[in-house]
Amino acid sequence: MQFDKKVRDLMVPLHEYAVVEEDDSLLDALDALEASQACLPPGRFLHRAVFVRRGEEIVGRIGHLTFLEAFLRQGDSIFRSPLIDAAGVSEEMVATSLGHIKALAEDFGGLCDRARHMRVGDIMRPAALRIDENASLRRAMEMLSGARALALLVTRGREVVGVLRSSDVFTEAATQMRDCGRDEGQ
């Protein structure tokens, strides 16, 4: 397999990706994702995340699972009773249990209405994995597989200039694997 390509050869430039501000709503993030996907060339994998910006810095991401979790997230205060405290049940266990009970009892419309107004800065996951645009694809593969990540932010110096998606690296690796077999007459 050839590893002479660089990260910059496969990255999606940041200006082509869905990016929102941390104070934007989850609905704003969905709109940005839809708009960025509409601009993709035919045959290109759809984006599976929206990146979140604070000022000029990319600080987080919202992927499909984070989006689904937002539907179930509860902003209510956690109910406590002396009986629960005496039993030694953790705050996290109480919050999770009550959240599940309330989510099951609440109709989907209520969940949807609440989720669409959530602030993306409150639900995003940190976007910390970064790789230089001049790094090799082999290094990118090592980082993606080692972290079990779907994407890496691509940097030029300290500036984020793109996103390297595992789907694009996979496609390149698969193409290389097929091509090297053909080159050897197999």
C-alpha atoms as a PDB file:
ATOM      1  CA  MET A   1       0.000   0.000   0.000  1.00  0.00           C
ATOM      2  CA  GLN A   2       1.259   3.420  -0.869  1.00  0.00           C
ATOM      3  CA  PHE A   3       1.402   5.878   1.975  1.00  0.00           C
ATOM      4  CA  ASP A   4       2.818   8.791   0.011  1.00  0.00           C
ATOM      5  CA  LYS A   5      -0.410  10.792   0.176  1.00  0.00           C
ATOM      6  CA  LYS A   6      -0.729  13.375   2.894  1.00  0.00           C
ATOM      7  CA  VAL A   7      -3.625  14.229   5.152  1.00  0.00           C
ATOM      8  CA  ARG A   8      -4.290  17.414   3.127  1.00  0.00           C
ATOM      9  CA  ASP A   9      -4.962  15.230   0.055  1.00  0.00           C
ATOM     10  CA  LEU A  10      -8.024  13.611   1.664  1.00  0.00           C
ATOM     11  CA  MET A  11      -9.284  16.179   4.158  1.00  0.00           C
ATOM     12  CA  VAL A  12     -12.536  18.049   3.760  1.00  0.00           C
ATOM     13  CA  PRO A  13     -11.739  21.776   3.987  1.00  0.00           C
ATOM     14  CA  LEU A  14     -13.321  23.308   7.073  1.00  0.00           C
ATOM     15  CA  HIS A  15     -15.291  25.822   4.992  1.00  0.00           C
ATOM     16  CA  GLU A  16     -17.120  22.868   3.363  1.00  0.00           C
ATOM     17  CA  TYR A  17     -18.049  21.337   6.709  1.00  0.00           C
ATOM     18  CA  ALA A  18     -20.960  22.126   9.000  1.00  0.00           C
ATOM     19  CA  VAL A  19     -19.731  24.536  11.692  1.00  0.00           C
ATOM     20  CA  VAL A  20     -21.881  26.394  14.228  1.00  0.00           C
ATOM     21  CA  GLU A  21     -21.219  28.688  17.171  1.00  0.00           C
ATOM     22  CA  GLU A  22     -21.475  27.230  20.676  1.00  0.00           C
ATOM     23  CA  ASP A  23     -24.478  29.464  21.473  1.00  0.00           C
ATOM     24  CA  ASP A  24     -26.441  28.210  18.451  1.00  0.00           C
ATOM     25  CA  SER A  25     -29.334  25.804  18.932  1.00  0.00           C
ATOM     26  CA  LEU A  26     -29.412  22.134  18.063  1.00  0.00           C
ATOM     27  CA  LEU A  27     -31.841  23.035  15.290  1.00  0.00           C
ATOM     28  CA  ASP A  28     -29.249  25.479  13.888  1.00  0.00           C
ATOM     29  CA  ALA A  29     -26.740  22.607  13.910  1.00  0.00           C
ATOM     30  CA  LEU A  30     -29.137  20.348  12.003  1.00  0.00           C
ATOM     31  CA  ASP A  31     -29.728  23.092   9.435  1.00  0.00           C
ATOM     32  CA  ALA A  32     -25.953  23.583   9.002  1.00  0.00           C
ATOM     33  CA  LEU A  33     -25.441  19.833   8.589  1.00  0.00           C
ATOM     34  CA  GLU A  34     -28.154  19.608   5.960  1.00  0.00           C
ATOM     35  CA  ALA A  35     -26.755  22.602   4.060  1.00  0.00           C
ATOM     36  CA  SER A  36     -23.216  21.202   4.049  1.00  0.00           C
ATOM     37  CA  GLN A  37     -24.424  17.800   2.857  1.00  0.00           C
ATOM     38  CA  ALA A  38     -26.352  19.393  -0.002  1.00  0.00           C
ATOM     39  CA  CYS A  39     -23.051  20.782  -1.348  1.00  0.00           C
ATOM     40  CA  LEU A  40     -21.206  17.452  -1.399  1.00  0.00           C
ATOM     41  CA  PRO A  41     -20.249  16.054  -4.789  1.00  0.00           C
ATOM     42  CA  PRO A  42     -22.024  12.842  -5.867  1.00  0.00           C
ATOM     43  CA  GLY A  43     -20.529   9.693  -4.391  1.00  0.00           C
ATOM     44  CA  ARG A  44     -19.001  11.447  -1.370  1.00  0.00           C
ATOM     45  CA  PHE A  45     -19.860  10.162   2.102  1.00  0.00           C
ATOM     46  CA  LEU A  46     -22.227  12.386   4.027  1.00  0.00           C
ATOM     47  CA  HIS A  47     -20.895  14.362   6.967  1.00  0.00           C
ATOM     48  CA  ARG A  48     -21.726  12.693  10.270  1.00  0.00           C
ATOM     49  CA  ALA A  49     -20.961  15.585  12.588  1.00  0.00           C
ATOM     50  CA  VAL A  50     -21.233  19.310  13.097  1.00  0.00           C
ATOM     51  CA  PHE A  51     -18.253  21.140  14.539  1.00  0.00           C
ATOM     52  CA  VAL A  52     -18.695  23.799  17.196  1.00  0.00           C
ATOM     53  CA  ARG A  53     -16.726  27.028  17.233  1.00  0.00           C
ATOM     54  CA  ARG A  54     -15.966  29.411  20.095  1.00  0.00           C
ATOM     55  CA  GLY A  55     -14.679  32.571  18.488  1.00  0.00           C
ATOM     56  CA  GLU A  56     -12.120  31.370  15.959  1.00  0.00           C
ATOM     57  CA  GLU A  57     -11.388  28.042  17.678  1.00  0.00           C
ATOM     58  CA  ILE A  58     -13.069  24.683  17.023  1.00  0.00           C
ATOM     59  CA  VAL A  59     -13.890  23.361  20.499  1.00  0.00           C
ATOM     60  CA  GLY A  60     -16.365  20.541  19.983  1.00  0.00           C
ATOM     61  CA  ARG A  61     -18.422  18.329  17.764  1.00  0.00           C
ATOM     62  CA  ILE A  62     -21.920  16.942  17.676  1.00  0.00           C
ATOM     63  CA  GLY A  63     -22.213  13.549  16.040  1.00  0.00           C
ATOM     64  CA  HIS A  64     -25.240  11.363  15.483  1.00  0.00           C
ATOM     65  CA  LEU A  65     -25.089   9.770  18.946  1.00  0.00           C
ATOM     66  CA  THR A  66     -24.677  13.137  20.667  1.00  0.00           C
ATOM     67  CA  PHE A  67     -27.704  14.362  18.761  1.00  0.00           C
ATOM     68  CA  LEU A  68     -29.758  11.351  19.897  1.00  0.00           C
ATOM     69  CA  GLU A  69     -28.610  11.811  23.498  1.00  0.00           C
ATOM     70  CA  ALA A  70     -29.838  15.403  23.337  1.00  0.00           C
ATOM     71  CA  PHE A  71     -33.369  14.101  22.892  1.00  0.00           C
ATOM     72  CA  LEU A  72     -33.117  12.287  26.203  1.00  0.00           C
ATOM     73  CA  ARG A  73     -31.144  14.876  28.163  1.00  0.00           C
ATOM     74  CA  GLN A  74     -32.970  16.295  31.109  1.00  0.00           C
ATOM     75  CA  GLY A  75     -32.401  19.824  32.355  1.00  0.00           C
ATOM     76  CA  ASP A  76     -34.481  19.342  35.477  1.00  0.00           C
ATOM     77  CA  SER A  77     -32.961  19.307  38.935  1.00  0.00           C
ATOM     78  CA  ILE A  78     -32.361  15.895  40.392  1.00  0.00           C
ATOM     79  CA  PHE A  79     -34.936  14.665  42.874  1.00  0.00           C
ATOM     80  CA  ARG A  80     -33.438  13.545  46.176  1.00  0.00           C
ATOM     81  CA  SER A  81     -35.034  11.854  49.153  1.00  0.00           C
ATOM     82  CA  PRO A  82     -33.610  10.756  52.519  1.00  0.00           C
ATOM     83  CA  LEU A  83     -34.373   7.136  51.575  1.00  0.00           C
ATOM     84  CA  ILE A  84     -32.300   7.360  48.379  1.00  0.00           C
ATOM     85  CA  ASP A  85     -29.485   9.113  50.255  1.00  0.00           C
ATOM     86  CA  ALA A  86     -29.505   6.465  53.004  1.00  0.00           C
ATOM     87  CA  ALA A  87     -29.359   3.699  50.418  1.00  0.00           C
ATOM     88  CA  GLY A  88     -26.131   5.176  49.045  1.00  0.00           C
ATOM     89  CA  VAL A  89     -27.461   5.626  45.510  1.00  0.00           C
ATOM     90  CA  SER A  90     -25.175   7.941  43.596  1.00  0.00           C
ATOM     91  CA  GLU A  91     -26.311  11.264  42.131  1.00  0.00           C
ATOM     92  CA  GLU A  92     -25.475   9.945  38.682  1.00  0.00           C
ATOM     93  CA  MET A  93     -27.622   6.827  39.141  1.00  0.00           C
ATOM     94  CA  VAL A  94     -30.586   8.906  40.342  1.00  0.00           C
ATOM     95  CA  ALA A  95     -30.227  11.337  37.452  1.00  0.00           C
ATOM     96  CA  THR A  96     -29.965   8.561  34.891  1.00  0.00           C
ATOM     97  CA  SER A  97     -32.931   6.631  36.288  1.00  0.00           C
ATOM     98  CA  LEU A  98     -35.198   9.645  36.550  1.00  0.00           C
ATOM     99  CA  GLY A  99     -34.151  10.763  33.099  1.00  0.00           C
ATOM    100  CA  HIS A 100     -35.118   7.413  31.614  1.00  0.00           C
ATOM    101  CA  ILE A 101     -38.452   7.398  33.437  1.00  0.00           C
ATOM    102  CA  LYS A 102     -39.290  10.932  32.323  1.00  0.00           C
ATOM    103  CA  ALA A 103     -38.146  10.275  28.750  1.00  0.00           C
ATOM    104  CA  LEU A 104     -40.371   7.213  28.521  1.00  0.00           C
ATOM    105  CA  ALA A 105     -43.348   9.135  29.909  1.00  0.00           C
ATOM    106  CA  GLU A 106     -42.856  12.227  27.744  1.00  0.00           C
ATOM    107  CA  ASP A 107     -44.305  12.197  24.263  1.00  0.00           C
ATOM    108  CA  PHE A 108     -41.969  12.471  21.313  1.00  0.00           C
ATOM    109  CA  GLY A 109     -43.281  15.930  20.424  1.00  0.00           C
ATOM    110  CA  GLY A 110     -42.251  17.259  23.825  1.00  0.00           C
ATOM    111  CA  LEU A 111     -38.808  15.741  23.491  1.00  0.00           C
ATOM    112  CA  CYS A 112     -38.444  17.169  20.013  1.00  0.00           C
ATOM    113  CA  ASP A 113     -39.531  20.669  21.014  1.00  0.00           C
ATOM    114  CA  ARG A 114     -37.137  20.745  23.973  1.00  0.00           C
ATOM    115  CA  ALA A 115     -34.209  19.325  21.977  1.00  0.00           C
ATOM    116  CA  ARG A 116     -34.504  21.770  19.089  1.00  0.00           C
ATOM    117  CA  HIS A 117     -33.824  24.684  21.454  1.00  0.00           C
ATOM    118  CA  MET A 118     -30.845  23.165  23.266  1.00  0.00           C
ATOM    119  CA  ARG A 119     -27.617  25.126  23.078  1.00  0.00           C
ATOM    120  CA  VAL A 120     -24.964  23.137  21.186  1.00  0.00           C
ATOM    121  CA  GLY A 121     -22.286  24.256  23.644  1.00  0.00           C
ATOM    122  CA  ASP A 122     -24.151  22.339  26.358  1.00  0.00           C
ATOM    123  CA  ILE A 123     -24.228  19.002  24.538  1.00  0.00           C
ATOM    124  CA  MET A 124     -21.113  18.949  22.339  1.00  0.00           C
ATOM    125  CA  ARG A 125     -18.248  16.535  22.807  1.00  0.00           C
ATOM    126  CA  PRO A 126     -14.707  17.979  22.886  1.00  0.00           C
ATOM    127  CA  ALA A 127     -12.948  17.992  19.513  1.00  0.00           C
ATOM    128  CA  ALA A 128      -9.399  17.442  20.643  1.00  0.00           C
ATOM    129  CA  LEU A 129      -7.860  15.001  18.169  1.00  0.00           C
ATOM    130  CA  ARG A 130      -5.753  16.958  15.691  1.00  0.00           C
ATOM    131  CA  ILE A 131      -3.273  16.109  12.985  1.00  0.00           C
ATOM    132  CA  ASP A 132      -1.054  18.304  10.835  1.00  0.00           C
ATOM    133  CA  GLU A 133      -2.056  18.639   7.181  1.00  0.00           C
ATOM    134  CA  ASN A 134       1.397  17.382   6.104  1.00  0.00           C
ATOM    135  CA  ALA A 135       1.215  14.183   8.160  1.00  0.00           C
ATOM    136  CA  SER A 136       1.158  10.889   6.294  1.00  0.00           C
ATOM    137  CA  LEU A 137      -1.980   8.864   5.801  1.00  0.00           C
ATOM    138  CA  ARG A 138      -0.286   6.057   7.693  1.00  0.00           C
ATOM    139  CA  ARG A 139      -0.013   8.334  10.744  1.00  0.00           C
ATOM    140  CA  ALA A 140      -3.655   9.356  10.307  1.00  0.00           C
ATOM    141  CA  MET A 141      -4.701   5.692  10.156  1.00  0.00           C
ATOM    142  CA  GLU A 142      -2.772   5.009  13.365  1.00  0.00           C
ATOM    143  CA  MET A 143      -4.462   7.931  15.131  1.00  0.00           C
ATOM    144  CA  LEU A 144      -7.957   7.100  13.894  1.00  0.00           C
ATOM    145  CA  SER A 145      -7.715   3.424  14.769  1.00  0.00           C
ATOM    146  CA  GLY A 146      -5.894   3.985  18.071  1.00  0.00           C
ATOM    147  CA  ALA A 147      -8.489   6.471  19.287  1.00  0.00           C
ATOM    148  CA  ARG A 148     -11.380   4.662  17.564  1.00  0.00           C
ATOM    149  CA  ALA A 149     -12.287   8.070  16.160  1.00  0.00           C
ATOM    150  CA  LEU A 150     -14.492   8.958  13.224  1.00  0.00           C
ATOM    151  CA  ALA A 151     -12.575  12.122  12.356  1.00  0.00           C
ATOM    152  CA  LEU A 152      -9.511  14.220  13.085  1.00  0.00           C
ATOM    153  CA  LEU A 153      -9.253  17.989  12.906  1.00  0.00           C
ATOM    154  CA  VAL A 154      -6.577  18.950  10.394  1.00  0.00           C
ATOM    155  CA  THR A 155      -4.265  21.796  11.346  1.00  0.00           C
ATOM    156  CA  ARG A 156      -1.879  24.167   9.621  1.00  0.00           C
ATOM    157  CA  GLY A 157       0.182  25.470  12.472  1.00  0.00           C
ATOM    158  CA  ARG A 158      -2.389  26.293  15.158  1.00  0.00           C
ATOM    159  CA  GLU A 159      -5.240  26.902  12.719  1.00  0.00           C
ATOM    160  CA  VAL A 160      -7.837  24.204  11.973  1.00  0.00           C
ATOM    161  CA  VAL A 161      -8.144  24.013   8.190  1.00  0.00           C
ATOM    162  CA  GLY A 162     -10.098  20.822   7.639  1.00  0.00           C
ATOM    163  CA  VAL A 163     -11.492  17.509   8.778  1.00  0.00           C
ATOM    164  CA  LEU A 164     -10.069  14.098   7.974  1.00  0.00           C
ATOM    165  CA  ARG A 165     -12.858  11.547   8.123  1.00  0.00           C
ATOM    166  CA  SER A 166     -12.305   7.852   8.741  1.00  0.00           C
ATOM    167  CA  SER A 167     -14.692   7.112   5.848  1.00  0.00           C
ATOM    168  CA  ASP A 168     -12.387   8.917   3.391  1.00  0.00           C
ATOM    169  CA  VAL A 169      -9.273   7.227   4.764  1.00  0.00           C
ATOM    170  CA  PHE A 170     -11.036   3.848   4.533  1.00  0.00           C
ATOM    171  CA  THR A 171     -12.004   4.521   0.903  1.00  0.00           C
ATOM    172  CA  GLU A 172      -8.406   5.444   0.050  1.00  0.00           C
ATOM    173  CA  ALA A 173      -7.017   2.356   1.813  1.00  0.00           C
ATOM    174  CA  ALA A 174      -9.522   0.112   0.019  1.00  0.00           C
ATOM    175  CA  THR A 175      -8.614   1.674  -3.344  1.00  0.00           C
ATOM    176  CA  GLN A 176      -4.907   1.195  -2.640  1.00  0.00           C
ATOM    177  CA  MET A 177      -5.490  -2.448  -1.651  1.00  0.00           C
ATOM    178  CA  ARG A 178      -7.379  -3.175  -4.861  1.00  0.00           C
ATOM    179  CA  ASP A 179      -4.826  -1.312  -7.007  1.00  0.00           C
ATOM    180  CA  CYS A 180      -1.793  -3.093  -5.550  1.00  0.00           C
ATOM    181  CA  GLY A 181      -3.379  -6.465  -6.382  1.00  0.00           C
ATOM    182  CA  ARG A 182      -3.983  -5.350  -9.958  1.00  0.00           C
ATOM    183  CA  ASP A 183      -0.418  -4.075 -10.308  1.00  0.00           C
ATOM    184  CA  GLU A 184       0.875  -7.509  -9.372  1.00  0.00           C
ATOM    185  CA  GLY A 185      -1.433  -9.227 -11.856  1.00  0.00           C
ATOM    186  CA  GLN A 186      -3.649 -10.805  -9.204  1.00  0.00           C
END
